[in-house]
């Protein structure tokens, strides 16, 4: 009986042990399941936090990029008030100091030629040493101080040197500045960024001549006009220094990407540059248009600067609009704009007052596209570490062909007005097939 009791006790103990083991296993399973569920919840929360942080950081990057673009746009606004105001009276001022018409033409032409040619060197150096801010600051300082210094010129030779110095300063700072702008435009859109910058730039281009005109209207004189331009010159440099202090490393505004091949630029870059050069060659410079207005008396002396101001206003609006469309449709927008803007030549040189005004509006529209879309497209064609060189080559090619085209059209004007119009339209039309090829290579 004792044996049976012992067996029964052992069986009961074993069953109890099994039940306890099952309970522990079940409890462990439930706990682990809860931990897994809790871990999943935590993972979801972490992912949501990371997503929110990413959105916040992205928005912050866009805000910073926009602020940087606006700051450089304000710099360009004040800078354009300064040197566009001066350029509206440089010819007359040289004449008062004793320069001949030939001298005025040579000084203006040489200033533009050297101003564009030096951009190739400036762009290369800015990439080589990486001192984009230093080069930009030096260029703007030279660019801005040369203008009010014209008030001190007692001889036309000194004035000529200062005028050329102003163009050299612009040549030095433009590629480095455009490279820094390109870093910021990545976040908000290439077209929007360069379009906004160009719009602010052109506001200054309109205000500058108006301010100088106001000074002259109130009998201030040419020297007083140049001294007055010291104010916007100082403002431009002050805002530039502020931008340098707030954004010491503008390259950080563009999200890092794998470096592109840096041994050379892609084929589409050279195709694009050729197309742009043809457009530049066929685009008549405003002094030639103003000369025509004066010679044939289509537009009075009072209306000529108004026509120019209207063209600059159209330029500013077009830069914003076409920059926005460029981010959605790409290079196709430049093709469409070029087809319309090439019609400015027959309207301006053959039409009466109304047609000439319409032609100037088309001329301004084309300028707005050239200053926004053309620069925006370069940013995605060249490696990030060679943007300065890319913009230097672009600006140099554009400027040289603009100068050569303007010189040729000046000669054609004396020979036959129709030959000038044919050359202008044909040169711009020849760019269309090349732009189509660029679009295909970008798809």
Protein backbone atom coordinates (compact mmCIF):
# COMPACT_ATOMS: atom_id res chain seq x y z
CA UNK A 1 0.00 0.00 0.00
CA UNK A 2 2.88 2.31 0.80
CA UNK A 3 4.31 1.54 -2.63
CA UNK A 4 1.04 2.44 -4.34
CA UNK A 5 0.91 5.66 -2.36
CA UNK A 6 4.42 6.59 -3.39
CA UNK A 7 3.64 5.92 -7.07
CA UNK A 8 0.48 7.99 -6.85
CA UNK A 9 2.34 10.89 -5.26
CA UNK A 10 5.03 10.78 -7.97
CA UNK A 11 2.44 10.75 -10.73
CA UNK A 12 0.67 13.70 -9.17
CA UNK A 13 3.94 15.58 -8.83
CA UNK A 14 4.86 14.83 -12.47
CA UNK A 15 1.47 16.01 -13.72
CA UNK A 16 1.80 19.18 -11.65
CA UNK A 17 5.29 19.79 -13.05
CA UNK A 18 4.02 19.36 -16.60
CA UNK A 19 1.18 21.79 -15.99
CA UNK A 20 3.57 24.38 -14.54
CA UNK A 21 5.93 23.91 -17.50
CA UNK A 22 3.07 24.42 -19.92
CA UNK A 23 2.02 27.56 -18.06
CA UNK A 24 5.55 28.97 -18.16
CA UNK A 25 5.85 28.21 -21.87
CA UNK A 26 2.50 29.81 -22.58
CA UNK A 27 3.42 32.86 -20.51
CA UNK A 28 6.76 33.20 -22.27
CA UNK A 29 5.06 32.94 -25.66
CA UNK A 30 2.55 35.65 -24.73
CA UNK A 31 5.28 37.93 -23.41
CA UNK A 32 7.44 37.46 -26.49
CA UNK A 33 4.45 38.18 -28.69
CA UNK A 34 3.79 41.36 -26.75
CA UNK A 35 7.43 42.38 -27.09
CA UNK A 36 7.29 41.75 -30.80
CA UNK A 37 4.11 43.75 -31.07
CA UNK A 38 5.65 46.51 -28.96
CA UNK A 39 8.80 46.40 -31.06
CA UNK A 40 6.72 46.73 -34.23
CA UNK A 41 4.92 49.73 -32.78
CA UNK A 42 8.20 51.26 -31.78
CA UNK A 43 9.54 50.66 -35.27
CA UNK A 44 6.49 52.36 -36.77
CA UNK A 45 6.90 55.34 -34.43
CA UNK A 46 10.61 55.58 -35.28
CA UNK A 47 9.85 55.41 -38.99
CA UNK A 48 7.22 58.13 -38.63
CA UNK A 49 9.65 60.30 -36.69
CA UNK A 50 12.33 59.76 -39.32
CA UNK A 51 9.87 60.61 -42.07
CA UNK A 52 8.75 63.76 -40.27
CA UNK A 53 12.35 64.73 -39.61
CA UNK A 54 13.17 64.18 -43.28
CA UNK A 55 10.24 66.37 -44.37
CA UNK A 56 11.23 69.08 -41.89
CA UNK A 57 14.86 68.95 -43.02
CA UNK A 58 13.79 69.04 -46.67
CA UNK A 59 11.55 72.05 -46.05
CA UNK A 60 14.34 73.75 -44.12
CA UNK A 61 16.74 73.10 -47.01
CA UNK A 62 14.31 74.64 -49.47
CA UNK A 63 13.80 77.68 -47.24
CA UNK A 64 17.56 78.15 -46.87
CA UNK A 65 18.06 77.75 -50.61
CA UNK A 66 15.32 80.27 -51.35
CA UNK A 67 16.78 82.78 -48.87
CA UNK A 68 20.21 82.43 -50.48
CA UNK A 69 18.80 82.98 -53.97
CA UNK A 70 16.84 86.03 -52.81
CA UNK A 71 19.92 87.49 -51.11
CA UNK A 72 22.01 87.15 -54.28
CA UNK A 73 19.03 88.49 -56.24
CA UNK A 74 18.94 91.59 -54.05
CA UNK A 75 22.69 91.98 -54.57
CA UNK A 76 22.11 91.87 -58.34
CA UNK A 77 19.22 94.34 -58.01
CA UNK A 78 21.42 96.96 -56.36
CA UNK A 79 24.34 96.13 -58.65
CA UNK A 80 22.18 96.58 -61.75
CA UNK A 81 20.89 99.91 -60.45
CA UNK A 82 24.54 100.95 -60.21
CA UNK A 83 26.05 99.85 -63.51
CA UNK A 84 22.94 99.93 -65.71
CA UNK A 85 22.32 103.45 -64.45
CA UNK A 86 25.89 104.34 -65.40
CA UNK A 87 25.71 102.64 -68.79
CA UNK A 88 22.70 104.77 -69.71
CA UNK A 89 24.95 107.88 -69.63
CA UNK A 90 28.46 106.53 -70.29
CA UNK A 91 28.36 107.44 -73.99
CA UNK A 92 27.23 110.99 -73.39
CA UNK A 93 29.75 111.42 -70.56
CA UNK A 94 32.65 110.28 -72.74
CA UNK A 95 31.53 112.71 -75.42
CA UNK A 96 31.47 115.60 -72.92
CA UNK A 97 35.03 114.70 -71.88
CA UNK A 98 36.15 114.95 -75.49
CA UNK A 99 35.95 111.40 -76.85
CA UNK A 100 34.95 110.86 -80.50
CA UNK A 101 32.07 108.63 -81.64
CA UNK A 102 34.61 106.03 -82.80
CA UNK A 103 36.26 106.06 -79.38
CA UNK A 104 32.91 105.60 -77.63
CA UNK A 105 32.12 102.60 -79.85
CA UNK A 106 35.55 101.03 -79.29
CA UNK A 107 35.42 101.50 -75.51
CA UNK A 108 31.92 100.00 -75.27
CA UNK A 109 32.72 97.09 -77.59
CA UNK A 110 36.10 96.31 -76.04
CA UNK A 111 34.60 96.47 -72.56
CA UNK A 112 31.97 93.89 -73.47
CA UNK A 113 34.47 91.66 -75.29
CA UNK A 114 37.00 91.57 -72.46
CA UNK A 115 34.19 91.34 -69.93
CA UNK A 116 32.97 88.09 -71.46
CA UNK A 117 36.35 86.65 -72.44
CA UNK A 118 37.73 86.87 -68.90
CA UNK A 119 34.86 84.75 -67.58
CA UNK A 120 36.53 81.63 -68.95
CA UNK A 121 39.64 82.34 -66.86
CA UNK A 122 37.64 83.40 -63.82
CA UNK A 123 35.47 80.28 -63.93
CA UNK A 124 38.47 77.98 -64.23
CA UNK A 125 40.28 79.66 -61.33
CA UNK A 126 37.19 79.54 -59.09
CA UNK A 127 36.94 75.76 -59.59
CA UNK A 128 40.67 75.32 -59.25
CA UNK A 129 41.04 77.05 -55.89
CA UNK A 130 37.47 76.63 -54.64
CA UNK A 131 37.33 80.21 -53.30
CA UNK A 132 33.97 81.13 -54.83
CA UNK A 133 33.11 83.73 -52.20
CA UNK A 134 36.49 85.45 -52.35
CA UNK A 135 36.35 85.75 -56.14
CA UNK A 136 32.73 86.93 -56.07
CA UNK A 137 33.45 89.58 -53.42
CA UNK A 138 36.53 90.86 -55.26
CA UNK A 139 34.66 91.05 -58.57
CA UNK A 140 31.66 92.86 -57.11
CA UNK A 141 33.87 95.34 -55.25
CA UNK A 142 35.77 96.23 -58.44
CA UNK A 143 32.50 96.28 -60.39
CA UNK A 144 30.75 98.61 -57.94
CA UNK A 145 33.53 101.05 -57.04
CA UNK A 146 34.48 101.76 -60.66
CA UNK A 147 31.09 103.37 -61.30
CA UNK A 148 31.01 106.22 -58.74
CA UNK A 149 34.73 106.78 -59.43
CA UNK A 150 33.69 108.04 -62.87
CA UNK A 151 32.59 111.26 -61.15
CA UNK A 152 36.29 111.98 -60.51
CA UNK A 153 37.42 111.40 -64.09
CA UNK A 154 38.71 114.60 -65.65
CA UNK A 155 39.76 113.05 -68.97
CA UNK A 156 38.01 110.63 -71.29
CA UNK A 157 40.99 108.24 -71.09
CA UNK A 158 40.49 107.84 -67.33
CA UNK A 159 36.76 107.39 -67.79
CA UNK A 160 37.40 104.73 -70.46
CA UNK A 161 39.68 102.80 -68.09
CA UNK A 162 37.04 102.90 -65.34
CA UNK A 163 34.30 101.74 -67.73
CA UNK A 164 36.45 98.78 -68.78
CA UNK A 165 37.31 98.08 -65.11
CA UNK A 166 33.60 97.84 -64.33
CA UNK A 167 33.20 95.20 -67.07
CA UNK A 168 36.27 93.31 -65.81
CA UNK A 169 34.80 93.23 -62.30
CA UNK A 170 31.59 91.72 -63.66
CA UNK A 171 33.60 89.16 -65.62
CA UNK A 172 35.51 88.10 -62.51
CA UNK A 173 32.50 87.55 -60.26
CA UNK A 174 29.85 86.12 -62.64
CA UNK A 175 30.99 82.46 -63.06
CA UNK A 176 31.68 82.01 -59.33
CA UNK A 177 28.35 83.60 -58.41
CA UNK A 178 26.43 81.48 -60.91
CA UNK A 179 28.11 78.34 -59.58
CA UNK A 180 26.97 79.20 -56.04
CA UNK A 181 23.47 79.96 -57.32
CA UNK A 182 23.34 76.56 -59.03
CA UNK A 183 23.87 74.81 -55.68
CA UNK A 184 20.79 76.52 -54.25
CA UNK A 185 18.56 76.03 -57.30
CA UNK A 186 18.74 72.24 -56.98
CA UNK A 187 16.30 72.35 -54.05
CA UNK A 188 13.62 74.65 -55.48
CA UNK A 189 14.08 73.98 -59.20
CA UNK A 190 16.77 75.20 -61.59
CA UNK A 191 14.37 77.29 -63.66
CA UNK A 192 12.61 78.84 -60.67
CA UNK A 193 15.86 79.71 -58.96
CA UNK A 194 17.58 81.36 -61.91
CA UNK A 195 14.29 82.91 -63.01
CA UNK A 196 13.79 84.55 -59.61
CA UNK A 197 17.36 85.82 -59.61
CA UNK A 198 16.98 87.25 -63.11
CA UNK A 199 13.67 88.93 -62.21
CA UNK A 200 15.28 90.75 -59.27
CA UNK A 201 18.26 91.59 -61.47
CA UNK A 202 16.03 93.18 -64.10
CA UNK A 203 14.14 95.26 -61.56
CA UNK A 204 17.47 96.92 -60.91
CA UNK A 205 18.10 97.27 -64.64
CA UNK A 206 14.84 99.24 -64.93
CA UNK A 207 15.38 101.37 -61.81
CA UNK A 208 18.98 102.36 -62.58
CA UNK A 209 18.35 104.41 -65.74
CA UNK A 210 15.19 105.87 -64.18
CA UNK A 211 17.15 107.10 -61.14
CA UNK A 212 19.83 108.63 -63.34
CA UNK A 213 17.15 110.18 -65.53
CA UNK A 214 15.59 111.69 -62.42
CA UNK A 215 18.91 113.20 -61.32
CA UNK A 216 19.44 114.71 -64.76
CA UNK A 217 15.86 115.97 -64.90
CA UNK A 218 16.46 117.96 -61.72
CA UNK A 219 19.66 119.38 -63.22
CA UNK A 220 21.97 117.26 -61.09
CA UNK A 221 24.45 116.68 -63.90
CA UNK A 222 26.46 113.60 -64.92
CA UNK A 223 28.95 113.75 -62.07
CA UNK A 224 26.14 114.01 -59.53
CA UNK A 225 24.50 110.99 -61.17
CA UNK A 226 27.64 108.89 -60.71
CA UNK A 227 27.98 110.00 -57.09
CA UNK A 228 24.32 109.09 -56.47
CA UNK A 229 25.04 105.56 -57.70
CA UNK A 230 27.46 105.14 -54.79
CA UNK A 231 24.42 104.40 -52.59
CA UNK A 232 23.18 101.28 -54.44
CA UNK A 233 26.81 100.21 -54.93
CA UNK A 234 27.33 100.27 -51.15
CA UNK A 235 24.04 98.40 -50.61
CA UNK A 236 25.06 95.68 -53.08
CA UNK A 237 28.35 95.03 -51.31
CA UNK A 238 26.68 95.14 -47.87
CA UNK A 239 24.06 92.54 -48.81
CA UNK A 240 26.76 90.40 -50.42
CA UNK A 241 28.83 90.43 -47.22
CA UNK A 242 25.69 89.48 -45.28
CA UNK A 243 25.07 86.54 -47.62
CA UNK A 244 28.69 85.44 -47.16
CA UNK A 245 28.26 85.56 -43.37
CA UNK A 246 24.97 83.62 -43.40
CA UNK A 247 26.00 81.03 -46.01
CA UNK A 248 29.78 80.48 -45.84
CA UNK A 249 29.45 77.11 -47.64
CA UNK A 250 26.76 77.43 -50.35
CA UNK A 251 27.77 74.09 -51.83
CA UNK A 252 26.13 72.44 -48.81
CA UNK A 253 22.77 73.67 -50.14
CA UNK A 254 22.89 71.00 -52.84
CA UNK A 255 22.39 67.41 -51.71
CA UNK A 256 25.54 65.41 -52.29
CA UNK A 257 25.43 63.22 -55.39
CA UNK A 258 27.90 60.83 -56.98
CA UNK A 259 30.55 62.82 -58.81
CA UNK A 260 30.16 62.87 -62.58
CA UNK A 261 33.01 62.25 -64.98
CA UNK A 262 35.31 65.24 -64.70
CA UNK A 263 37.70 64.63 -67.63
CA UNK A 264 35.51 66.74 -69.90
CA UNK A 265 32.03 68.03 -70.48
CA UNK A 266 29.37 65.87 -72.16
CA UNK A 267 28.57 66.21 -75.86
CA UNK A 268 25.21 67.81 -75.15
CA UNK A 269 26.99 70.67 -73.36
CA UNK A 270 28.90 71.57 -76.52
CA UNK A 271 25.78 71.18 -78.67
CA UNK A 272 23.95 73.45 -76.26
CA UNK A 273 26.76 76.01 -76.28
CA UNK A 274 26.73 76.07 -80.09
CA UNK A 275 22.96 76.63 -80.12
CA UNK A 276 23.25 79.42 -77.56
CA UNK A 277 26.08 81.04 -79.55
CA UNK A 278 23.85 81.14 -82.66
CA UNK A 279 21.03 82.77 -80.69
CA UNK A 280 23.46 85.32 -79.26
CA UNK A 281 24.91 86.10 -82.71
CA UNK A 282 21.45 86.77 -84.12
CA UNK A 283 20.29 88.95 -81.25
CA UNK A 284 20.63 92.65 -82.04
CA UNK A 285 22.05 94.78 -79.23
CA UNK A 286 19.82 97.58 -77.96
CA UNK A 287 22.17 100.45 -78.97
CA UNK A 288 21.73 99.38 -82.61
CA UNK A 289 17.95 99.22 -82.17
CA UNK A 290 17.96 102.66 -80.49
CA UNK A 291 20.14 104.01 -83.31
CA UNK A 292 17.56 102.79 -85.82
CA UNK A 293 14.68 104.33 -83.88
CA UNK A 294 16.52 107.66 -83.82
CA UNK A 295 17.59 107.57 -87.46
CA UNK A 296 14.20 106.82 -88.99
CA UNK A 297 12.24 108.74 -86.32
CA UNK A 298 9.90 105.84 -85.56
CA UNK A 299 10.25 106.52 -81.85
CA UNK A 300 11.00 109.90 -80.28
CA UNK A 301 13.97 110.51 -77.99
CA UNK A 302 11.61 110.52 -75.01
CA UNK A 303 10.12 107.14 -75.88
CA UNK A 304 13.37 105.28 -76.62
CA UNK A 305 14.32 104.77 -72.93
CA UNK A 306 10.66 103.93 -72.21
CA UNK A 307 10.79 101.19 -74.84
CA UNK A 308 13.93 99.84 -73.19
CA UNK A 309 12.30 99.94 -69.75
CA UNK A 310 9.28 98.04 -71.12
CA UNK A 311 11.59 95.40 -72.60
CA UNK A 312 13.35 95.02 -69.24
CA UNK A 313 9.99 94.67 -67.49
CA UNK A 314 8.97 91.93 -69.92
CA UNK A 315 12.39 90.36 -69.32
CA UNK A 316 11.72 90.14 -65.57
CA UNK A 317 8.25 88.60 -65.96
CA UNK A 318 9.43 86.20 -68.68
CA UNK A 319 12.34 85.02 -66.52
CA UNK A 320 9.94 83.98 -63.74
CA UNK A 321 7.41 82.37 -66.07
CA UNK A 322 9.84 80.50 -68.28
CA UNK A 323 11.94 79.43 -65.30
CA UNK A 324 8.83 77.83 -63.78
CA UNK A 325 7.96 76.10 -67.06
CA UNK A 326 11.55 74.94 -67.59
CA UNK A 327 11.38 72.86 -64.40
CA UNK A 328 8.39 71.01 -65.88
CA UNK A 329 9.08 70.87 -69.62
CA UNK A 330 12.85 71.22 -69.81
CA UNK A 331 14.70 72.57 -72.84
CA UNK A 332 11.52 72.46 -74.95
CA UNK A 333 10.55 75.83 -73.46
CA UNK A 334 13.70 77.45 -74.84
CA UNK A 335 12.88 76.06 -78.30
CA UNK A 336 9.37 77.55 -78.20
CA UNK A 337 10.58 80.92 -76.89
CA UNK A 338 13.32 81.13 -79.53
CA UNK A 339 10.78 80.56 -82.31
CA UNK A 340 8.75 83.53 -81.08
CA UNK A 341 11.54 85.90 -80.03
CA UNK A 342 13.32 85.69 -83.41
CA UNK A 343 10.40 87.69 -84.84
CA UNK A 344 11.60 90.81 -83.00
CA UNK A 345 13.96 91.77 -85.87
CA UNK A 346 11.37 92.34 -88.64
CA UNK A 347 9.01 94.05 -86.19
CA UNK A 348 11.65 96.40 -84.78
CA UNK A 349 13.44 97.27 -88.02
CA UNK A 350 10.50 97.32 -90.44
CA UNK A 351 7.46 98.25 -88.36
CA UNK A 352 6.01 101.52 -87.17
CA UNK A 353 5.54 102.63 -83.55
CA UNK A 354 3.12 99.86 -82.52
CA UNK A 355 5.00 97.05 -84.28
CA UNK A 356 8.31 98.34 -82.89
CA UNK A 357 6.85 98.24 -79.39
CA UNK A 358 5.66 94.66 -79.96
CA UNK A 359 9.11 93.80 -81.28
CA UNK A 360 10.75 95.20 -78.15
CA UNK A 361 8.40 93.10 -76.02
CA UNK A 362 9.52 89.97 -77.93
CA UNK A 363 13.13 91.12 -77.58
CA UNK A 364 12.66 91.40 -73.81
CA UNK A 365 10.93 88.01 -73.70
CA UNK A 366 13.91 86.40 -75.41
CA UNK A 367 16.34 88.11 -73.05
CA UNK A 368 14.38 86.82 -70.04
CA UNK A 369 14.62 83.26 -71.38
CA UNK A 370 18.32 83.63 -72.14
CA UNK A 371 19.18 84.91 -68.67
CA UNK A 372 17.13 82.28 -66.80
CA UNK A 373 16.65 79.08 -68.81
CA UNK A 374 20.07 79.15 -70.47
CA UNK A 375 21.89 79.40 -67.13
CA UNK A 376 19.58 76.89 -65.44
CA UNK A 377 20.24 74.22 -68.08
CA UNK A 378 24.01 74.41 -67.57
CA UNK A 379 23.76 73.30 -63.92
CA UNK A 380 22.60 69.79 -64.87
CA UNK A 381 25.03 69.40 -67.77
CA UNK A 382 28.33 69.80 -65.94
CA UNK A 383 29.85 68.15 -62.85
CA UNK A 384 29.18 69.91 -59.55
CA UNK A 385 32.89 70.48 -58.95
CA UNK A 386 33.33 72.14 -62.37
CA UNK A 387 30.36 74.49 -62.38
CA UNK A 388 32.58 77.58 -62.34
CA UNK A 389 34.44 76.41 -65.45
CA UNK A 390 31.18 75.42 -67.13
CA UNK A 391 29.63 78.82 -66.56
CA UNK A 392 32.88 80.50 -67.58
CA UNK A 393 32.91 78.68 -70.93
CA UNK A 394 29.20 79.33 -71.42
CA UNK A 395 29.43 83.06 -70.68
CA UNK A 396 32.56 83.49 -72.78
CA UNK A 397 31.07 81.74 -75.81
CA UNK A 398 27.80 83.63 -75.44
CA UNK A 399 29.55 86.99 -75.07
CA UNK A 400 31.99 86.56 -77.94
CA UNK A 401 29.28 85.54 -80.40
CA UNK A 402 27.02 88.33 -79.15
CA UNK A 403 29.84 90.79 -79.85
CA UNK A 404 30.63 89.33 -83.28
CA UNK A 405 26.96 89.18 -84.23
CA UNK A 406 26.38 92.77 -83.11
CA UNK A 407 29.40 93.97 -85.08
CA UNK A 408 28.25 92.12 -88.21
CA UNK A 409 24.70 93.45 -87.90
CA UNK A 410 26.09 96.95 -87.54
CA UNK A 411 27.89 96.50 -90.87
CA UNK A 412 24.81 94.94 -92.48
CA UNK A 413 22.68 97.86 -91.31
CA UNK A 414 24.74 100.24 -93.46
CA UNK A 415 24.52 97.87 -96.44
CA UNK A 416 20.94 96.62 -96.35
CA UNK A 417 18.33 96.55 -93.61
CA UNK A 418 16.79 93.41 -95.08
CA UNK A 419 20.15 91.58 -94.96
CA UNK A 420 20.39 92.40 -91.25
CA UNK A 421 16.91 90.97 -90.62
CA UNK A 422 17.63 87.82 -92.65
CA UNK A 423 20.88 87.21 -90.76
CA UNK A 424 19.21 87.75 -87.36
CA UNK A 425 16.32 85.38 -88.05
CA UNK A 426 18.49 82.75 -89.82
CA UNK A 427 21.08 82.60 -87.03
CA UNK A 428 18.44 82.08 -84.36
CA UNK A 429 16.52 79.60 -86.51
CA UNK A 430 19.72 77.56 -87.00
CA UNK A 431 19.84 76.98 -83.23
CA UNK A 432 16.54 75.06 -83.19
CA UNK A 433 17.80 71.70 -84.60
CA UNK A 434 20.68 71.76 -82.11
CA UNK A 435 18.32 72.43 -79.20
CA UNK A 436 16.16 69.51 -80.38
CA UNK A 437 19.25 67.27 -80.25
CA UNK A 438 20.05 68.52 -76.76
CA UNK A 439 16.49 67.71 -75.67
CA UNK A 440 16.76 64.17 -77.06
CA UNK A 441 20.06 63.60 -75.24
CA UNK A 442 18.48 64.84 -72.01
CA UNK A 443 15.50 62.45 -72.20
